[in-house]
């Protein structure tokens, strides 16, 4: 029998870790400060700033830099896919390589093809996420180009428009994050070639690593603190603008 009970348990553990962590992170981000939640607020403030800028060269450069990063991963994913698909024609050689590794589980033809199929599935999914992220950043560019200039920054319609720009950019970042997460779990899937127990341990370790980086890292703390300073600055600007408006109105009344 090519499939052992341990292999089935390890594969189930892998998908539970991946799907379970994705749902957990999405739900927890609604109530807890994390990379996704705090950066969403930063994007809203960024889009607020855009409506008050007549020249938006810096925004174009920043978005182009983000798109270059995603384009790099999308291109790399295609190369990795080509390599994985090539391995399907070298299963016998792969069997001999794995069999020569000490303490590795005994390889067989069907199991190696299944493991390669899992890697193929992961990188195809990753490619879809990266390309969808690139398209959504393109949508953000179009929305920025269509956004009128408002020197006061107090136009409520444009503020709502800025928030929608932030939502589209947020969705693009989520797709990029899902693509990167696929890379993390592909490392765990590689461990299945050696032993199902290592596969399970690697899956759990990936979840642990992702959780620490997205919810408990120093970067999260710095981004959260930066968000608070932006909120204070926004309140101060609004108060200053209100005082200026009231002063001008009093002068005109006199």
Protein backbone atom coordinates (compact mmCIF):
# COMPACT_ATOMS: atom_id res chain seq x y z
CA UNK A 1 0.00 0.00 0.00
CA UNK A 2 1.64 3.31 -1.11
CA UNK A 3 -0.19 5.40 1.50
CA UNK A 4 0.52 4.82 5.17
CA UNK A 5 -1.71 6.07 7.96
CA UNK A 6 1.08 8.41 9.07
CA UNK A 7 1.21 9.98 5.59
CA UNK A 8 -2.55 10.60 5.65
CA UNK A 9 -2.36 12.15 9.13
CA UNK A 10 0.59 14.34 8.08
CA UNK A 11 -1.22 15.57 4.95
CA UNK A 12 -4.38 16.34 6.95
CA UNK A 13 -2.27 18.17 9.54
CA UNK A 14 -0.69 20.24 6.75
CA UNK A 15 -4.02 21.40 5.30
CA UNK A 16 -5.52 22.01 8.74
CA UNK A 17 -2.52 24.19 9.62
CA UNK A 18 -2.71 26.14 6.36
CA UNK A 19 -6.48 26.63 6.12
CA UNK A 20 -6.92 26.91 9.88
CA UNK A 21 -4.25 29.57 10.29
CA UNK A 22 -5.61 31.57 7.35
CA UNK A 23 -9.08 31.66 8.93
CA UNK A 24 -7.66 32.31 12.39
CA UNK A 25 -5.47 35.20 11.23
CA UNK A 26 -8.33 36.79 9.28
CA UNK A 27 -10.66 36.62 12.28
CA UNK A 28 -8.11 37.71 14.87
CA UNK A 29 -7.02 40.69 12.72
CA UNK A 30 -10.49 42.20 13.21
CA UNK A 31 -9.98 42.59 16.97
CA UNK A 32 -6.20 42.51 17.51
CA UNK A 33 -3.43 44.79 16.33
CA UNK A 34 -1.34 42.97 13.74
CA UNK A 35 0.47 43.69 10.49
CA UNK A 36 -2.69 43.49 8.35
CA UNK A 37 -4.90 45.56 10.68
CA UNK A 38 -2.40 48.35 11.35
CA UNK A 39 -1.20 48.63 7.76
CA UNK A 40 -4.83 49.01 6.66
CA UNK A 41 -5.05 52.14 8.80
CA UNK A 42 -1.75 53.39 7.39
CA UNK A 43 -3.10 52.92 3.88
CA UNK A 44 -6.18 54.98 4.73
CA UNK A 45 -3.98 57.84 5.99
CA UNK A 46 -1.82 57.49 2.88
CA UNK A 47 -4.83 57.83 0.61
CA UNK A 48 -6.06 60.82 2.63
CA UNK A 49 -2.71 62.49 1.94
CA UNK A 50 -2.98 61.74 -1.77
CA UNK A 51 -6.18 63.74 -2.26
CA UNK A 52 -4.35 66.82 -0.93
CA UNK A 53 -1.41 66.47 -3.34
CA UNK A 54 -1.53 67.92 -6.82
CA UNK A 55 1.69 66.18 -7.94
CA UNK A 56 1.65 62.43 -7.16
CA UNK A 57 5.00 61.28 -8.48
CA UNK A 58 6.04 59.84 -5.11
CA UNK A 59 2.90 57.68 -4.93
CA UNK A 60 3.56 56.33 -8.43
CA UNK A 61 7.13 55.44 -7.42
CA UNK A 62 6.00 53.71 -4.22
CA UNK A 63 3.34 51.66 -5.99
CA UNK A 64 5.77 50.76 -8.78
CA UNK A 65 8.20 49.47 -6.16
CA UNK A 66 5.48 47.30 -4.61
CA UNK A 67 4.54 45.93 -8.03
CA UNK A 68 8.19 45.11 -8.79
CA UNK A 69 8.39 42.99 -5.63
CA UNK A 70 5.27 41.07 -6.59
CA UNK A 71 6.43 40.69 -10.18
CA UNK A 72 9.68 39.14 -8.92
CA UNK A 73 7.81 36.51 -6.92
CA UNK A 74 5.39 35.80 -9.77
CA UNK A 75 8.29 35.22 -12.19
CA UNK A 76 10.15 33.10 -9.61
CA UNK A 77 7.04 31.00 -9.08
CA UNK A 78 6.87 30.16 -12.78
CA UNK A 79 10.52 29.05 -12.72
CA UNK A 80 9.91 26.91 -9.63
CA UNK A 81 6.84 25.37 -11.29
CA UNK A 82 8.92 24.51 -14.35
CA UNK A 83 11.47 22.82 -12.09
CA UNK A 84 8.85 20.84 -10.17
CA UNK A 85 7.14 19.68 -13.37
CA UNK A 86 10.51 18.57 -14.74
CA UNK A 87 10.95 16.35 -11.68
CA UNK A 88 7.92 14.30 -12.76
CA UNK A 89 10.14 12.88 -15.51
CA UNK A 90 12.93 12.12 -13.03
CA UNK A 91 10.97 10.20 -10.37
CA UNK A 92 13.31 7.20 -10.44
CA UNK A 93 16.38 9.36 -9.91
CA UNK A 94 14.57 11.22 -7.14
CA UNK A 95 13.75 7.90 -5.48
CA UNK A 96 17.42 6.95 -5.40
CA UNK A 97 18.43 10.34 -3.99
CA UNK A 98 15.84 10.21 -1.21
CA UNK A 99 16.68 6.57 -0.48
CA UNK A 100 20.32 7.52 0.11
CA UNK A 101 19.41 10.03 2.84
CA UNK A 102 19.80 8.54 6.35
CA UNK A 103 16.58 8.07 8.37
CA UNK A 104 14.40 9.16 5.43
CA UNK A 105 11.21 7.17 4.85
CA UNK A 106 11.39 4.54 2.12
CA UNK A 107 10.37 6.24 -1.17
CA UNK A 108 7.99 4.77 -3.73
CA UNK A 109 6.89 5.93 -7.14
CA UNK A 110 3.28 6.84 -6.32
CA UNK A 111 4.12 8.75 -3.14
CA UNK A 112 6.79 10.84 -4.84
CA UNK A 113 4.33 11.78 -7.58
CA UNK A 114 1.79 12.75 -4.93
CA UNK A 115 4.34 14.92 -3.11
CA UNK A 116 5.35 16.60 -6.36
CA UNK A 117 1.66 17.17 -7.11
CA UNK A 118 1.27 18.88 -3.75
CA UNK A 119 4.17 21.22 -4.51
CA UNK A 120 2.70 21.93 -7.94
CA UNK A 121 -0.67 22.78 -6.37
CA UNK A 122 0.98 25.13 -3.85
CA UNK A 123 2.96 27.08 -6.45
CA UNK A 124 0.05 27.29 -8.91
CA UNK A 125 -2.05 28.76 -6.10
CA UNK A 126 0.80 31.11 -5.22
CA UNK A 127 1.08 32.29 -8.84
CA UNK A 128 -2.64 33.06 -8.97
CA UNK A 129 -2.36 35.13 -5.78
CA UNK A 130 0.66 37.12 -6.98
CA UNK A 131 -0.84 37.92 -10.38
CA UNK A 132 -4.17 38.94 -8.81
CA UNK A 133 -2.24 41.19 -6.42
CA UNK A 134 -0.47 42.84 -9.37
CA UNK A 135 -3.78 43.49 -11.10
CA UNK A 136 -5.27 45.05 -7.97
CA UNK A 137 -2.30 47.39 -7.61
CA UNK A 138 -3.00 48.39 -11.19
CA UNK A 139 -6.58 49.21 -10.14
CA UNK A 140 -5.17 51.41 -7.35
CA UNK A 141 -3.06 53.30 -9.92
CA UNK A 142 -6.17 53.98 -12.00
CA UNK A 143 -8.11 55.19 -8.95
CA UNK A 144 -5.28 57.50 -7.92
CA UNK A 145 -5.12 58.91 -11.44
CA UNK A 146 -8.87 59.56 -11.37
CA UNK A 147 -8.81 61.21 -7.92
CA UNK A 148 -9.39 64.99 -8.06
CA UNK A 149 -7.13 67.39 -6.18
CA UNK A 150 -8.52 68.86 -2.97
CA UNK A 151 -6.17 71.32 -1.29
CA UNK A 152 -8.24 71.55 1.90
CA UNK A 153 -8.44 67.79 2.36
CA UNK A 154 -11.87 68.22 3.96
CA UNK A 155 -14.07 67.08 1.08
CA UNK A 156 -16.16 64.24 2.49
CA UNK A 157 -16.81 62.62 -0.89
CA UNK A 158 -13.10 62.48 -1.64
CA UNK A 159 -12.41 61.10 1.84
CA UNK A 160 -14.82 58.25 1.15
CA UNK A 161 -13.13 57.76 -2.22
CA UNK A 162 -9.73 57.64 -0.49
CA UNK A 163 -11.04 54.96 1.87
CA UNK A 164 -12.14 52.86 -1.11
CA UNK A 165 -8.69 53.26 -2.65
CA UNK A 166 -7.25 51.98 0.63
CA UNK A 167 -9.62 48.98 0.51
CA UNK A 168 -8.45 48.00 -2.99
CA UNK A 169 -4.82 48.41 -1.95
CA UNK A 170 -5.53 46.36 1.17
CA UNK A 171 -6.96 43.53 -0.95
CA UNK A 172 -3.87 43.64 -3.17
CA UNK A 173 -1.67 43.35 -0.09
CA UNK A 174 -3.75 40.42 1.20
CA UNK A 175 -3.26 38.55 -2.08
CA UNK A 176 0.48 39.22 -1.88
CA UNK A 177 0.49 37.94 1.70
CA UNK A 178 -1.37 34.77 0.69
CA UNK A 179 1.19 34.17 -2.04
CA UNK A 180 4.07 34.56 0.41
CA UNK A 181 2.27 32.28 2.86
CA UNK A 182 2.18 29.62 0.14
CA UNK A 183 5.97 29.82 -0.06
CA UNK A 184 6.22 29.24 3.69
CA UNK A 185 4.03 26.15 3.52
CA UNK A 186 5.90 24.85 0.47
CA UNK A 187 8.96 24.56 2.73
CA UNK A 188 6.89 22.37 5.04
CA UNK A 189 5.72 20.29 2.06
CA UNK A 190 9.33 19.66 1.06
CA UNK A 191 9.86 17.96 4.41
CA UNK A 192 7.33 15.30 3.39
CA UNK A 193 9.95 13.86 1.03
CA UNK A 194 12.02 12.91 4.07
CA UNK A 195 9.48 11.73 6.65
CA UNK A 196 5.79 12.36 7.54
CA UNK A 197 6.71 13.29 11.12
CA UNK A 198 9.10 15.97 9.90
CA UNK A 199 6.30 17.14 7.60
CA UNK A 200 3.93 17.60 10.56
CA UNK A 201 6.54 19.32 12.70
CA UNK A 202 7.44 21.67 9.83
CA UNK A 203 3.75 22.55 9.28
CA UNK A 204 3.34 23.46 12.94
CA UNK A 205 6.60 25.42 12.89
CA UNK A 206 5.42 27.44 9.89
CA UNK A 207 2.22 28.36 11.76
CA UNK A 208 4.26 29.36 14.81
CA UNK A 209 6.60 31.48 12.66
CA UNK A 210 3.77 33.20 10.81
CA UNK A 211 1.90 33.97 14.03
CA UNK A 212 4.97 35.49 15.68
CA UNK A 213 5.77 37.63 12.66
CA UNK A 214 2.24 38.85 12.01
CA UNK A 215 1.07 39.39 15.59
CA UNK A 216 4.01 39.55 18.00
CA UNK A 217 7.03 40.89 16.11
CA UNK A 218 8.82 44.16 16.84
CA UNK A 219 7.68 45.42 13.46
CA UNK A 220 4.03 45.01 14.54
CA UNK A 221 4.69 46.99 17.73
CA UNK A 222 6.40 49.78 15.78
CA UNK A 223 3.63 49.93 13.16
CA UNK A 224 0.98 50.01 15.92
CA UNK A 225 2.76 52.84 17.70
CA UNK A 226 3.16 54.70 14.42
CA UNK A 227 -0.58 54.35 13.82
CA UNK A 228 -1.30 56.04 17.17
CA UNK A 229 0.98 58.96 16.27
CA UNK A 230 -0.80 59.32 12.93
CA UNK A 231 -4.16 59.40 14.72
CA UNK A 232 -2.90 62.13 17.06
CA UNK A 233 -1.54 64.12 14.11
CA UNK A 234 -4.83 63.75 12.25
CA UNK A 235 -6.79 65.07 15.25
CA UNK A 236 -4.36 67.97 15.65
CA UNK A 237 -4.64 68.90 11.96
CA UNK A 238 -8.42 68.74 12.07
CA UNK A 239 -8.52 70.96 15.17
CA UNK A 240 -6.12 73.44 13.58
CA UNK A 241 -8.19 73.56 10.39
CA UNK A 242 -11.38 74.14 12.42
CA UNK A 243 -9.75 76.96 14.40
CA UNK A 244 -8.52 78.58 11.20
CA UNK A 245 -11.98 78.35 9.66
CA UNK A 246 -13.62 79.86 12.77
CA UNK A 247 -11.05 82.68 12.89
CA UNK A 248 -11.61 83.55 9.24
CA UNK A 249 -15.36 83.50 9.76
CA UNK A 250 -15.11 85.84 12.77
CA UNK A 251 -12.92 88.23 10.80
CA UNK A 252 -15.38 88.27 7.91
CA UNK A 253 -18.30 88.90 10.27
CA UNK A 254 -16.51 91.96 11.73
